[in-house]
C-alpha atoms as a PDB file:
ATOM      1  CA  MET A   1      -5.791  27.524  21.387  1.00  0.00           C
ATOM      2  CA  LYS A   2      -1.984  26.330  19.821  1.00  0.00           C
ATOM      3  CA  ARG A   3      -2.069  25.505  15.975  1.00  0.00           C
ATOM      4  CA  ILE A   4       0.179  21.684  15.583  1.00  0.00           C
ATOM      5  CA  LEU A   5       1.783  21.143  12.293  1.00  0.00           C
ATOM      6  CA  VAL A   6       2.475  17.387  12.394  1.00  0.00           C
ATOM      7  CA  ILE A   7       4.743  15.390   9.973  1.00  0.00           C
ATOM      8  CA  GLY A   8       5.145  12.021   9.551  1.00  0.00           C
ATOM      9  CA  ARG A   9       4.709   8.587  10.431  1.00  0.00           C
ATOM     10  CA  ILE A  10       3.264   8.873  13.878  1.00  0.00           C
ATOM     11  CA  ASP A  11       0.821   7.068  15.479  1.00  0.00           C
ATOM     12  CA  LYS A  12      -2.745   8.728  15.637  1.00  0.00           C
ATOM     13  CA  VAL A  13      -2.659   8.563  19.852  1.00  0.00           C
ATOM     14  CA  LEU A  14      -0.723  12.615  19.492  1.00  0.00           C
ATOM     15  CA  ILE A  15      -3.037  14.028  17.566  1.00  0.00           C
ATOM     16  CA  GLU A  16      -5.979  12.163  19.713  1.00  0.00           C
ATOM     17  CA  LYS A  17      -4.622  13.431  22.839  1.00  0.00           C
ATOM     18  CA  LEU A  18      -3.868  16.629  21.415  1.00  0.00           C
ATOM     19  CA  SER A  19      -7.414  17.884  20.031  1.00  0.00           C
ATOM     20  CA  ALA A  20      -8.760  16.211  22.984  1.00  0.00           C
ATOM     21  CA  THR A  21      -7.520  18.458  25.116  1.00  0.00           C
ATOM     22  CA  GLY A  22      -7.828  21.699  22.490  1.00  0.00           C
ATOM     23  CA  PHE A  23      -4.993  21.282  20.178  1.00  0.00           C
ATOM     24  CA  ILE A  24      -5.566  22.231  16.443  1.00  0.00           C
ATOM     25  CA  CYS A  25      -3.801  19.561  15.015  1.00  0.00           C
ATOM     26  CA  ASP A  26      -2.751  19.313  10.803  1.00  0.00           C
ATOM     27  CA  PHE A  27      -1.178  16.283   9.725  1.00  0.00           C
ATOM     28  CA  PHE A  28       0.818  15.143   6.558  1.00  0.00           C
ATOM     29  CA  ASN A  29       2.423  12.664   5.975  1.00  0.00           C
ATOM     30  CA  SER A  30       5.444  14.172   4.200  1.00  0.00           C
ATOM     31  CA  LEU A  31       6.287  17.767   2.807  1.00  0.00           C
ATOM     32  CA  SER A  32       8.663  18.661   1.278  1.00  0.00           C
ATOM     33  CA  SER A  33      11.241  22.115   2.877  1.00  0.00           C
ATOM     34  CA  LYS A  34       9.424  24.270   0.506  1.00  0.00           C
ATOM     35  CA  ASP A  35       5.425  23.551   0.850  1.00  0.00           C
ATOM     36  CA  LEU A  36       6.498  23.203   4.836  1.00  0.00           C
ATOM     37  CA  MET A  37       8.382  26.894   4.230  1.00  0.00           C
ATOM     38  CA  ASP A  38       4.949  28.067   2.913  1.00  0.00           C
ATOM     39  CA  LYS A  39       2.917  26.463   5.291  1.00  0.00           C
ATOM     40  CA  ILE A  40       4.333  26.789   8.350  1.00  0.00           C
ATOM     41  CA  GLU A  41       3.648  30.448   9.460  1.00  0.00           C
ATOM     42  CA  PRO A  42       0.830  29.888  11.951  1.00  0.00           C
ATOM     43  CA  TYR A  43       1.676  27.606  13.806  1.00  0.00           C
ATOM     44  CA  GLN A  44       2.787  27.600  17.742  1.00  0.00           C
ATOM     45  CA  GLY A  45       4.312  24.454  17.210  1.00  0.00           C
ATOM     46  CA  LEU A  46       5.909  21.700  14.830  1.00  0.00           C
ATOM     47  CA  VAL A  47       5.849  17.560  15.266  1.00  0.00           C
ATOM     48  CA  VAL A  48       8.510  15.195  12.811  1.00  0.00           C
ATOM     49  CA  ARG A  49       9.703  11.927  12.928  1.00  0.00           C
ATOM     50  CA  THR A  50      12.692  11.862  10.702  1.00  0.00           C
ATOM     51  CA  TYR A  51      12.606  15.664   8.982  1.00  0.00           C
ATOM     52  CA  ILE A  52      15.778  17.706   8.423  1.00  0.00           C
ATOM     53  CA  VAL A  53      14.502  20.954  10.243  1.00  0.00           C
ATOM     54  CA  SER A  54      17.084  23.573   9.242  1.00  0.00           C
ATOM     55  CA  LYS A  55      17.594  27.033  10.286  1.00  0.00           C
ATOM     56  CA  GLU A  56      15.757  28.244   7.082  1.00  0.00           C
ATOM     57  CA  ILE A  57      12.486  25.862   8.130  1.00  0.00           C
ATOM     58  CA  ILE A  58      13.110  27.440  11.668  1.00  0.00           C
ATOM     59  CA  ASP A  59      12.867  31.572  10.533  1.00  0.00           C
ATOM     60  CA  ALA A  60       9.036  30.280   8.503  1.00  0.00           C
ATOM     61  CA  GLY A  61       8.028  29.394  11.328  1.00  0.00           C
ATOM     62  CA  LYS A  62       7.738  32.751  13.034  1.00  0.00           C
ATOM     63  CA  ASN A  63       4.793  32.012  15.719  1.00  0.00           C
ATOM     64  CA  LEU A  64       6.890  28.500  16.579  1.00  0.00           C
ATOM     65  CA  GLN A  65       7.169  27.981  20.358  1.00  0.00           C
ATOM     66  CA  PHE A  66       8.364  24.502  20.385  1.00  0.00           C
ATOM     67  CA  ILE A  67       9.833  21.744  17.615  1.00  0.00           C
ATOM     68  CA  ALA A  68       8.279  18.225  19.012  1.00  0.00           C
ATOM     69  CA  ARG A  69      10.929  15.328  17.916  1.00  0.00           C
ATOM     70  CA  ALA A  70       8.505  11.833  17.817  1.00  0.00           C
ATOM     71  CA  GLY A  71      11.610   9.560  19.113  1.00  0.00           C
ATOM     72  CA  SER A  72      15.021  10.012  20.987  1.00  0.00           C
ATOM     73  CA  GLY A  73      17.555  11.294  18.371  1.00  0.00           C
ATOM     74  CA  LEU A  74      18.061  14.719  17.755  1.00  0.00           C
ATOM     75  CA  GLU A  75      20.348  15.677  15.406  1.00  0.00           C
ATOM     76  CA  LYS A  76      18.336  16.563  12.576  1.00  0.00           C
ATOM     77  CA  ILE A  77      17.179  19.433  14.238  1.00  0.00           C
ATOM     78  CA  ASP A  78      19.027  23.031  14.934  1.00  0.00           C
ATOM     79  CA  ILE A  79      18.547  22.825  18.040  1.00  0.00           C
ATOM     80  CA  ASP A  80      21.515  25.234  18.593  1.00  0.00           C
ATOM     81  CA  TYR A  81      19.189  28.064  17.068  1.00  0.00           C
ATOM     82  CA  ALA A  82      16.008  26.845  17.900  1.00  0.00           C
ATOM     83  CA  LYS A  83      17.183  27.399  20.957  1.00  0.00           C
ATOM     84  CA  GLN A  84      18.318  31.161  20.128  1.00  0.00           C
ATOM     85  CA  LYS A  85      15.033  31.926  19.041  1.00  0.00           C
ATOM     86  CA  GLY A  86      13.573  30.494  22.067  1.00  0.00           C
ATOM     87  CA  ILE A  87      12.122  27.772  20.669  1.00  0.00           C
ATOM     88  CA  ALA A  88      11.387  24.948  22.887  1.00  0.00           C
ATOM     89  CA  VAL A  89      12.692  21.647  21.684  1.00  0.00           C
ATOM     90  CA  LEU A  90      11.234  18.380  22.851  1.00  0.00           C
ATOM     91  CA  ASN A  91      11.065  14.284  22.316  1.00  0.00           C
ATOM     92  CA  SER A  92       9.671  11.387  23.255  1.00  0.00           C
ATOM     93  CA  PRO A  93      13.439   8.336  23.770  1.00  0.00           C
ATOM     94  CA  GLU A  94      11.340   6.441  26.574  1.00  0.00           C
ATOM     95  CA  GLY A  95       9.076   5.572  24.027  1.00  0.00           C
ATOM     96  CA  ASN A  96      11.129   3.091  22.334  1.00  0.00           C
ATOM     97  CA  ALA A  97      13.963   2.407  24.988  1.00  0.00           C
ATOM     98  CA  ASP A  98      12.319  -1.272  25.414  1.00  0.00           C
ATOM     99  CA  ALA A  99      12.719  -1.436  21.589  1.00  0.00           C
ATOM    100  CA  VAL A 100      15.967  -0.928  21.155  1.00  0.00           C
ATOM    101  CA  ALA A 101      17.054  -2.748  24.342  1.00  0.00           C
ATOM    102  CA  GLU A 102      15.372  -5.797  23.411  1.00  0.00           C
ATOM    103  CA  HIS A 103      16.175  -5.391  19.723  1.00  0.00           C
ATOM    104  CA  ALA A 104      20.248  -4.781  20.829  1.00  0.00           C
ATOM    105  CA  ILE A 105      19.835  -7.774  22.943  1.00  0.00           C
ATOM    106  CA  GLY A 106      18.709 -10.101  20.366  1.00  0.00           C
ATOM    107  CA  MET A 107      21.828  -9.250  18.300  1.00  0.00           C
ATOM    108  CA  LEU A 108      24.052 -10.141  20.940  1.00  0.00           C
ATOM    109  CA  LEU A 109      22.262 -13.363  21.932  1.00  0.00           C
ATOM    110  CA  ASN A 110      22.464 -14.259  17.970  1.00  0.00           C
ATOM    111  CA  MET A 111      26.141 -13.895  17.827  1.00  0.00           C
ATOM    112  CA  LEU A 112      27.218 -15.148  20.952  1.00  0.00           C
ATOM    113  CA  HIS A 113      25.490 -18.408  19.817  1.00  0.00           C
ATOM    114  CA  ASN A 114      26.029 -18.099  16.235  1.00  0.00           C
ATOM    115  CA  ILE A 115      21.677 -18.345  15.065  1.00  0.00           C
ATOM    116  CA  SER A 116      21.574 -16.804  11.992  1.00  0.00           C
ATOM    117  CA  LYS A 117      25.595 -17.798  10.879  1.00  0.00           C
ATOM    118  CA  SER A 118      23.622 -21.637  11.033  1.00  0.00           C
ATOM    119  CA  SER A 119      20.028 -20.894  10.631  1.00  0.00           C
ATOM    120  CA  ASN A 120      22.135 -19.897   6.736  1.00  0.00           C
ATOM    121  CA  GLU A 121      24.177 -23.086   6.915  1.00  0.00           C
ATOM    122  CA  ILE A 122      21.292 -25.241   7.541  1.00  0.00           C
ATOM    123  CA  ASN A 123      19.689 -23.708   4.486  1.00  0.00           C
ATOM    124  CA  ASN A 124      22.081 -24.210   2.839  1.00  0.00           C
ATOM    125  CA  TRP A 125      22.376 -27.839   3.358  1.00  0.00           C
ATOM    126  CA  GLN A 126      25.708 -27.531   6.318  1.00  0.00           C
ATOM    127  CA  PHE A 127      24.541 -29.140   9.524  1.00  0.00           C
ATOM    128  CA  ASN A 128      28.256 -27.344  11.286  1.00  0.00           C
ATOM    129  CA  ARG A 129      27.022 -28.171  15.156  1.00  0.00           C
ATOM    130  CA  LEU A 130      31.271 -27.953  15.782  1.00  0.00           C
ATOM    131  CA  GLU A 131      32.216 -24.933  14.423  1.00  0.00           C
ATOM    132  CA  ASN A 132      28.870 -23.205  15.735  1.00  0.00           C
ATOM    133  CA  THR A 133      29.862 -23.726  19.527  1.00  0.00           C
ATOM    134  CA  GLY A 134      28.284 -20.971  21.636  1.00  0.00           C
ATOM    135  CA  TYR A 135      29.334 -18.487  24.603  1.00  0.00           C
ATOM    136  CA  GLU A 136      27.232 -18.169  27.085  1.00  0.00           C
ATOM    137  CA  LEU A 137      25.824 -14.257  28.100  1.00  0.00           C
ATOM    138  CA  GLY A 138      26.286 -14.947  31.724  1.00  0.00           C
ATOM    139  CA  SER A 139      30.175 -16.198  31.820  1.00  0.00           C
ATOM    140  CA  ARG A 140      30.420 -12.021  29.730  1.00  0.00           C
ATOM    141  CA  THR A 141      31.349  -8.870  31.031  1.00  0.00           C
ATOM    142  CA  VAL A 142      29.129  -6.532  29.217  1.00  0.00           C
ATOM    143  CA  GLY A 143      30.038  -2.587  28.498  1.00  0.00           C
ATOM    144  CA  ILE A 144      27.604  -0.261  28.812  1.00  0.00           C
ATOM    145  CA  ILE A 145      28.290   3.474  26.873  1.00  0.00           C
ATOM    146  CA  GLY A 146      25.317   5.719  27.698  1.00  0.00           C
ATOM    147  CA  PHE A 147      23.281   4.788  30.307  1.00  0.00           C
ATOM    148  CA  GLY A 148      20.511   7.520  29.499  1.00  0.00           C
ATOM    149  CA  ASN A 149      17.040   5.985  28.386  1.00  0.00           C
ATOM    150  CA  THR A 150      18.467   2.915  26.342  1.00  0.00           C
ATOM    151  CA  GLY A 151      20.871   2.141  28.372  1.00  0.00           C
ATOM    152  CA  THR A 152      19.282   1.784  31.700  1.00  0.00           C
ATOM    153  CA  ARG A 153      16.804  -0.660  29.922  1.00  0.00           C
ATOM    154  CA  PHE A 154      19.125  -2.507  28.203  1.00  0.00           C
ATOM    155  CA  ALA A 155      20.881  -3.506  31.087  1.00  0.00           C
ATOM    156  CA  SER A 156      17.658  -4.054  33.870  1.00  0.00           C
ATOM    157  CA  LYS A 157      17.178  -6.477  30.482  1.00  0.00           C
ATOM    158  CA  LEU A 158      19.885  -8.326  30.693  1.00  0.00           C
ATOM    159  CA  SER A 159      20.729  -8.484  34.017  1.00  0.00           C
ATOM    160  CA  GLY A 160      18.557 -12.003  34.174  1.00  0.00           C
ATOM    161  CA  PHE A 161      21.173 -13.449  32.316  1.00  0.00           C
ATOM    162  CA  GLY A 162      23.851 -13.152  34.926  1.00  0.00           C
ATOM    163  CA  CYS A 163      26.519 -11.038  32.810  1.00  0.00           C
ATOM    164  CA  ARG A 164      28.364  -8.239  34.357  1.00  0.00           C
ATOM    165  CA  MET A 165      27.676  -4.671  33.239  1.00  0.00           C
ATOM    166  CA  LEU A 166      30.288  -1.548  33.478  1.00  0.00           C
ATOM    167  CA  ALA A 167      27.995   0.976  32.249  1.00  0.00           C
ATOM    168  CA  TYR A 168      29.855   4.605  31.636  1.00  0.00           C
ATOM    169  CA  ASP A 169      28.168   8.190  31.246  1.00  0.00           C
ATOM    170  CA  LYS A 170      29.651  11.307  30.873  1.00  0.00           C
ATOM    171  CA  TYR A 171      26.954  12.911  31.995  1.00  0.00           C
ATOM    172  CA  LYS A 172      25.910  10.917  35.035  1.00  0.00           C
ATOM    173  CA  LYS A 173      27.558   9.848  37.788  1.00  0.00           C
ATOM    174  CA  ASP A 174      26.654   7.847  40.830  1.00  0.00           C
ATOM    175  CA  PHE A 175      24.062   5.607  38.757  1.00  0.00           C
ATOM    176  CA  GLU A 176      25.809   2.100  39.932  1.00  0.00           C
ATOM    177  CA  ASN A 177      23.159   0.057  41.949  1.00  0.00           C
ATOM    178  CA  GLU A 178      23.002  -3.804  42.623  1.00  0.00           C
ATOM    179  CA  LEU A 179      22.853  -4.883  38.529  1.00  0.00           C
ATOM    180  CA  VAL A 180      25.472  -1.840  37.290  1.00  0.00           C
ATOM    181  CA  LYS A 181      28.440  -0.941  37.807  1.00  0.00           C
ATOM    182  CA  GLU A 182      29.967   2.897  37.072  1.00  0.00           C
ATOM    183  CA  ALA A 183      32.814   2.385  34.859  1.00  0.00           C
ATOM    184  CA  THR A 184      35.348   4.495  33.383  1.00  0.00           C
ATOM    185  CA  MET A 185      36.170   4.174  29.335  1.00  0.00           C
ATOM    186  CA  ASP A 186      39.291   2.615  30.283  1.00  0.00           C
ATOM    187  CA  GLU A 187      37.863   0.007  32.669  1.00  0.00           C
ATOM    188  CA  ILE A 188      35.688  -0.983  29.881  1.00  0.00           C
ATOM    189  CA  PHE A 189      38.887  -1.142  27.453  1.00  0.00           C
ATOM    190  CA  GLU A 190      40.296  -3.029  29.893  1.00  0.00           C
ATOM    191  CA  GLN A 191      37.272  -5.623  30.954  1.00  0.00           C
ATOM    192  CA  ALA A 192      34.627  -5.665  28.738  1.00  0.00           C
ATOM    193  CA  ASP A 193      34.107  -8.691  26.389  1.00  0.00           C
ATOM    194  CA  VAL A 194      31.180  -6.790  24.996  1.00  0.00           C
ATOM    195  CA  VAL A 195      30.198  -3.015  23.931  1.00  0.00           C
ATOM    196  CA  SER A 196      26.868  -1.871  23.440  1.00  0.00           C
ATOM    197  CA  LEU A 197      26.415   1.641  22.372  1.00  0.00           C
ATOM    198  CA  HIS A 198      23.606   3.650  24.192  1.00  0.00           C
ATOM    199  CA  ILE A 199      24.609   7.845  23.178  1.00  0.00           C
ATOM    200  CA  PRO A 200      23.168  10.575  20.864  1.00  0.00           C
ATOM    201  CA  TYR A 201      24.921  11.617  17.617  1.00  0.00           C
ATOM    202  CA  ASN A 202      27.171  14.841  18.029  1.00  0.00           C
ATOM    203  CA  GLU A 203      30.778  16.062  17.629  1.00  0.00           C
ATOM    204  CA  GLU A 204      31.744  14.356  20.498  1.00  0.00           C
ATOM    205  CA  THR A 205      30.878  10.929  19.483  1.00  0.00           C
ATOM    206  CA  HIS A 206      31.485  11.078  15.918  1.00  0.00           C
ATOM    207  CA  HIS A 207      33.516   8.102  14.870  1.00  0.00           C
ATOM    208  CA  LEU A 208      34.082   7.470  18.577  1.00  0.00           C
ATOM    209  CA  VAL A 209      34.914   3.399  17.687  1.00  0.00           C
ATOM    210  CA  GLY A 210      36.922   2.715  15.086  1.00  0.00           C
ATOM    211  CA  GLU A 211      40.492   1.436  15.038  1.00  0.00           C
ATOM    212  CA  SER A 212      42.624   3.557  17.818  1.00  0.00           C
ATOM    213  CA  PHE A 213      39.220   2.230  20.328  1.00  0.00           C
ATOM    214  CA  ILE A 214      39.468  -1.608  19.145  1.00  0.00           C
ATOM    215  CA  ASN A 215      43.058  -0.793  20.174  1.00  0.00           C
ATOM    216  CA  LYS A 216      42.609  -0.265  23.160  1.00  0.00           C
ATOM    217  CA  CYS A 217      40.336  -3.195  24.408  1.00  0.00           C
ATOM    218  CA  ALA A 218      42.149  -5.340  26.102  1.00  0.00           C
ATOM    219  CA  LYS A 219      39.602  -8.726  25.069  1.00  0.00           C
ATOM    220  CA  PRO A 220      38.458  -9.708  21.728  1.00  0.00           C
ATOM    221  CA  LEU A 221      35.185  -7.671  21.402  1.00  0.00           C
ATOM    222  CA  TYR A 222      31.595  -7.949  20.203  1.00  0.00           C
ATOM    223  CA  ILE A 223      30.163  -4.138  19.191  1.00  0.00           C
ATOM    224  CA  ILE A 224      26.296  -3.422  18.902  1.00  0.00           C
ATOM    225  CA  ASN A 225      25.316  -0.236  17.481  1.00  0.00           C
ATOM    226  CA  THR A 226      21.634   0.870  17.753  1.00  0.00           C
ATOM    227  CA  SER A 227      22.767   4.153  18.294  1.00  0.00           C
ATOM    228  CA  ARG A 228      24.167   6.337  15.132  1.00  0.00           C
ATOM    229  CA  GLY A 229      25.200   5.387  12.253  1.00  0.00           C
ATOM    230  CA  SER A 230      28.093   8.309  12.280  1.00  0.00           C
ATOM    231  CA  ILE A 231      29.433   6.520  15.837  1.00  0.00           C
ATOM    232  CA  VAL A 232      30.912   4.036  14.570  1.00  0.00           C
ATOM    233  CA  ASN A 233      34.288   5.051  11.694  1.00  0.00           C
ATOM    234  CA  SER A 234      32.950   2.181   9.192  1.00  0.00           C
ATOM    235  CA  LYS A 235      35.997   2.631   7.234  1.00  0.00           C
ATOM    236  CA  GLU A 236      38.014   1.483   9.481  1.00  0.00           C
ATOM    237  CA  ILE A 237      36.107  -1.053  10.951  1.00  0.00           C
ATOM    238  CA  VAL A 238      35.647  -2.937   7.444  1.00  0.00           C
ATOM    239  CA  LYS A 239      39.732  -2.810   6.876  1.00  0.00           C
ATOM    240  CA  ILE A 240      40.084  -3.863  11.148  1.00  0.00           C
ATOM    241  CA  LEU A 241      37.019  -6.666  10.586  1.00  0.00           C
ATOM    242  CA  THR A 242      39.690 -10.270   9.873  1.00  0.00           C
ATOM    243  CA  ASN A 243      41.318  -8.852  13.321  1.00  0.00           C
ATOM    244  CA  GLU A 244      41.000 -11.327  15.951  1.00  0.00           C
ATOM    245  CA  LYS A 245      39.954  -8.492  18.220  1.00  0.00           C
ATOM    246  CA  ILE A 246      36.461  -8.282  16.397  1.00  0.00           C
ATOM    247  CA  LYS A 247      34.730 -11.681  17.414  1.00  0.00           C
ATOM    248  CA  GLY A 248      31.079  -9.545  15.913  1.00  0.00           C
ATOM    249  CA  LEU A 249      30.068  -6.543  14.438  1.00  0.00           C
ATOM    250  CA  ALA A 250      26.438  -5.716  15.566  1.00  0.00           C
ATOM    251  CA  LEU A 251      24.765  -2.805  13.443  1.00  0.00           C
ATOM    252  CA  ASP A 252      21.166  -1.767  13.312  1.00  0.00           C
ATOM    253  CA  VAL A 253      22.274   2.593  12.174  1.00  0.00           C
ATOM    254  CA  TYR A 254      24.601   3.663   8.994  1.00  0.00           C
ATOM    255  CA  GLU A 255      26.792   6.372   7.952  1.00  0.00           C
ATOM    256  CA  ASN A 256      24.608   6.530   5.372  1.00  0.00           C
ATOM    257  CA  GLU A 257      20.966   5.112   5.328  1.00  0.00           C
ATOM    258  CA  ASN A 258      20.160   6.173   1.825  1.00  0.00           C
ATOM    259  CA  TYR A 259      21.215   3.509  -0.312  1.00  0.00           C
ATOM    260  CA  ASN A 260      20.581   5.297  -3.571  1.00  0.00           C
ATOM    261  CA  SER A 261      22.871   7.323  -2.824  1.00  0.00           C
ATOM    262  CA  TYR A 262      26.124   5.477  -2.575  1.00  0.00           C
ATOM    263  CA  ASN A 263      29.273   6.339  -3.678  1.00  0.00           C
ATOM    264  CA  GLU A 264      31.361   3.583  -4.919  1.00  0.00           C
ATOM    265  CA  LEU A 265      33.160   3.540  -1.635  1.00  0.00           C
ATOM    266  CA  GLU A 266      30.320   3.517   0.603  1.00  0.00           C
ATOM    267  CA  LYS A 267      29.046   0.964  -2.101  1.00  0.00           C
ATOM    268  CA  ASN A 268      33.004  -1.023  -1.228  1.00  0.00           C
ATOM    269  CA  ILE A 269      32.172  -0.854   3.178  1.00  0.00           C
ATOM    270  CA  MET A 270      28.319  -1.650   2.919  1.00  0.00           C
ATOM    271  CA  GLN A 271      29.489  -4.840   0.595  1.00  0.00           C
ATOM    272  CA  GLN A 272      32.058  -5.690   2.469  1.00  0.00           C
ATOM    273  CA  LEU A 273      29.805  -5.771   5.882  1.00  0.00           C
ATOM    274  CA  ILE A 274      27.431  -8.095   4.076  1.00  0.00           C
ATOM    275  CA  ASP A 275      30.130 -10.678   3.451  1.00  0.00           C
ATOM    276  CA  SER A 276      31.820 -10.640   6.821  1.00  0.00           C
ATOM    277  CA  LYS A 277      30.642 -13.799   8.502  1.00  0.00           C
ATOM    278  CA  LYS A 278      30.975 -11.570  11.851  1.00  0.00           C
ATOM    279  CA  CYS A 279      28.459  -8.560  11.064  1.00  0.00           C
ATOM    280  CA  LEU A 280      24.870  -9.279  12.089  1.00  0.00           C
ATOM    281  CA  LEU A 281      22.636  -6.146   9.710  1.00  0.00           C
ATOM    282  CA  THR A 282      19.807  -4.959  10.472  1.00  0.00           C
ATOM    283  CA  PRO A 283      18.142  -1.999   8.734  1.00  0.00           C
ATOM    284  CA  HIS A 284      17.762   0.839  11.327  1.00  0.00           C
ATOM    285  CA  THR A 285      14.270  -1.131  13.254  1.00  0.00           C
ATOM    286  CA  ALA A 286      15.688  -1.838  16.432  1.00  0.00           C
ATOM    287  CA  GLY A 287      13.700   1.148  18.165  1.00  0.00           C
ATOM    288  CA  TRP A 288      10.636  -0.108  15.439  1.00  0.00           C
ATOM    289  CA  SER A 289       8.058  -1.958  17.203  1.00  0.00           C
ATOM    290  CA  PHE A 290       3.754  -2.194  17.478  1.00  0.00           C
ATOM    291  CA  GLU A 291       3.993  -0.990  21.265  1.00  0.00           C
ATOM    292  CA  SER A 292       7.223   1.519  20.494  1.00  0.00           C
ATOM    293  CA  ASP A 293       5.074   3.646  17.739  1.00  0.00           C
ATOM    294  CA  TYR A 294       2.501   3.893  20.900  1.00  0.00           C
ATOM    295  CA  LYS A 295       4.572   5.389  23.253  1.00  0.00           C
ATOM    296  CA  ILE A 296       6.085   7.535  21.115  1.00  0.00           C
ATOM    297  CA  ALA A 297       3.390   9.377  20.622  1.00  0.00           C
ATOM    298  CA  ALA A 298       1.930   8.797  24.057  1.00  0.00           C
ATOM    299  CA  VAL A 299       4.496  10.627  26.315  1.00  0.00           C
ATOM    300  CA  LEU A 300       5.161  13.099  23.188  1.00  0.00           C
ATOM    301  CA  SER A 301       1.589  14.374  23.500  1.00  0.00           C
ATOM    302  CA  LYS A 302       2.208  14.862  27.547  1.00  0.00           C
ATOM    303  CA  LYS A 303       5.420  16.760  27.165  1.00  0.00           C
ATOM    304  CA  ILE A 304       3.717  18.834  24.424  1.00  0.00           C
ATOM    305  CA  GLN A 305       1.026  19.608  27.313  1.00  0.00           C
ATOM    306  CA  GLU A 306       2.908  19.985  30.149  1.00  0.00           C
ATOM    307  CA  TYR A 307       5.257  22.552  28.073  1.00  0.00           C
ATOM    308  CA  VAL A 308       2.296  24.266  26.657  1.00  0.00           C
ATOM    309  CA  LEU A 309       1.098  24.318  30.168  1.00  0.00           C
ATOM    310  CA  MET A 310       4.218  25.514  32.069  1.00  0.00           C
ATOM    311  CA  SER A 311       4.935  28.111  29.671  1.00  0.00           C
ATOM    312  CA  LYS A 312       1.552  30.075  30.083  1.00  0.00           C
END
């Protein structure tokens, strides 16, 4: 019988499904690292939402067989060290892919049609029709970088608008279909009006989008980042926001999402993003919906059960 320690805001369906199949689950809304290291030894499984799982925590979990993350990104878990210790790492990116895709499309439509901008102007008694003339999505070419769970859902939902779609994924080949053309990065640089990022954060993707990226693009660009903040070099981007090559920048994620820890440079960068009329900003909520909370937990509970069954 497996004991699992669950930490964080995770839908109750996870514990319900695991308990129903014989797992013993202990839930904590939050735990300090010290308290976790004191408690973790008897558990075979650890389930987290936004917790940092360090080498020290992994070492303290002497009986750990798996670490499961409720969500997609795994950058807060020391994956390499876990694997060295023979500990499996699971996640559930399928669970919030629809929510992220819908949020990205909402941001794109908002930018193309100046919805938030014109709404704010109306709230200030400014009725500016001509300068808020929009662009139709059907006449745009959308470049999708990363064609995994969220990238494919984004493309599927976008298909009804009639736009042309190019997709690049370093780790996938031969995925072209009637909706999406498989493309190189050079083709995206040459042809895209919009770039939407759907990639994990790692050493390769760190600051992927910055001044050099923008300068390679042939057309003025709308950029959407619902992946991870550090994929965009915010210091470089704010310097070139006035450049005509950036038509709009939609960010749901940021390099530092703890406002209370900002230094003066970070405050200055964020203020420039806030002040720019080209920017649309949301507080890392793309993957958060009432439906995705349930799906993330349900998918993860199934993966945990399958992993335990296969490892017997």
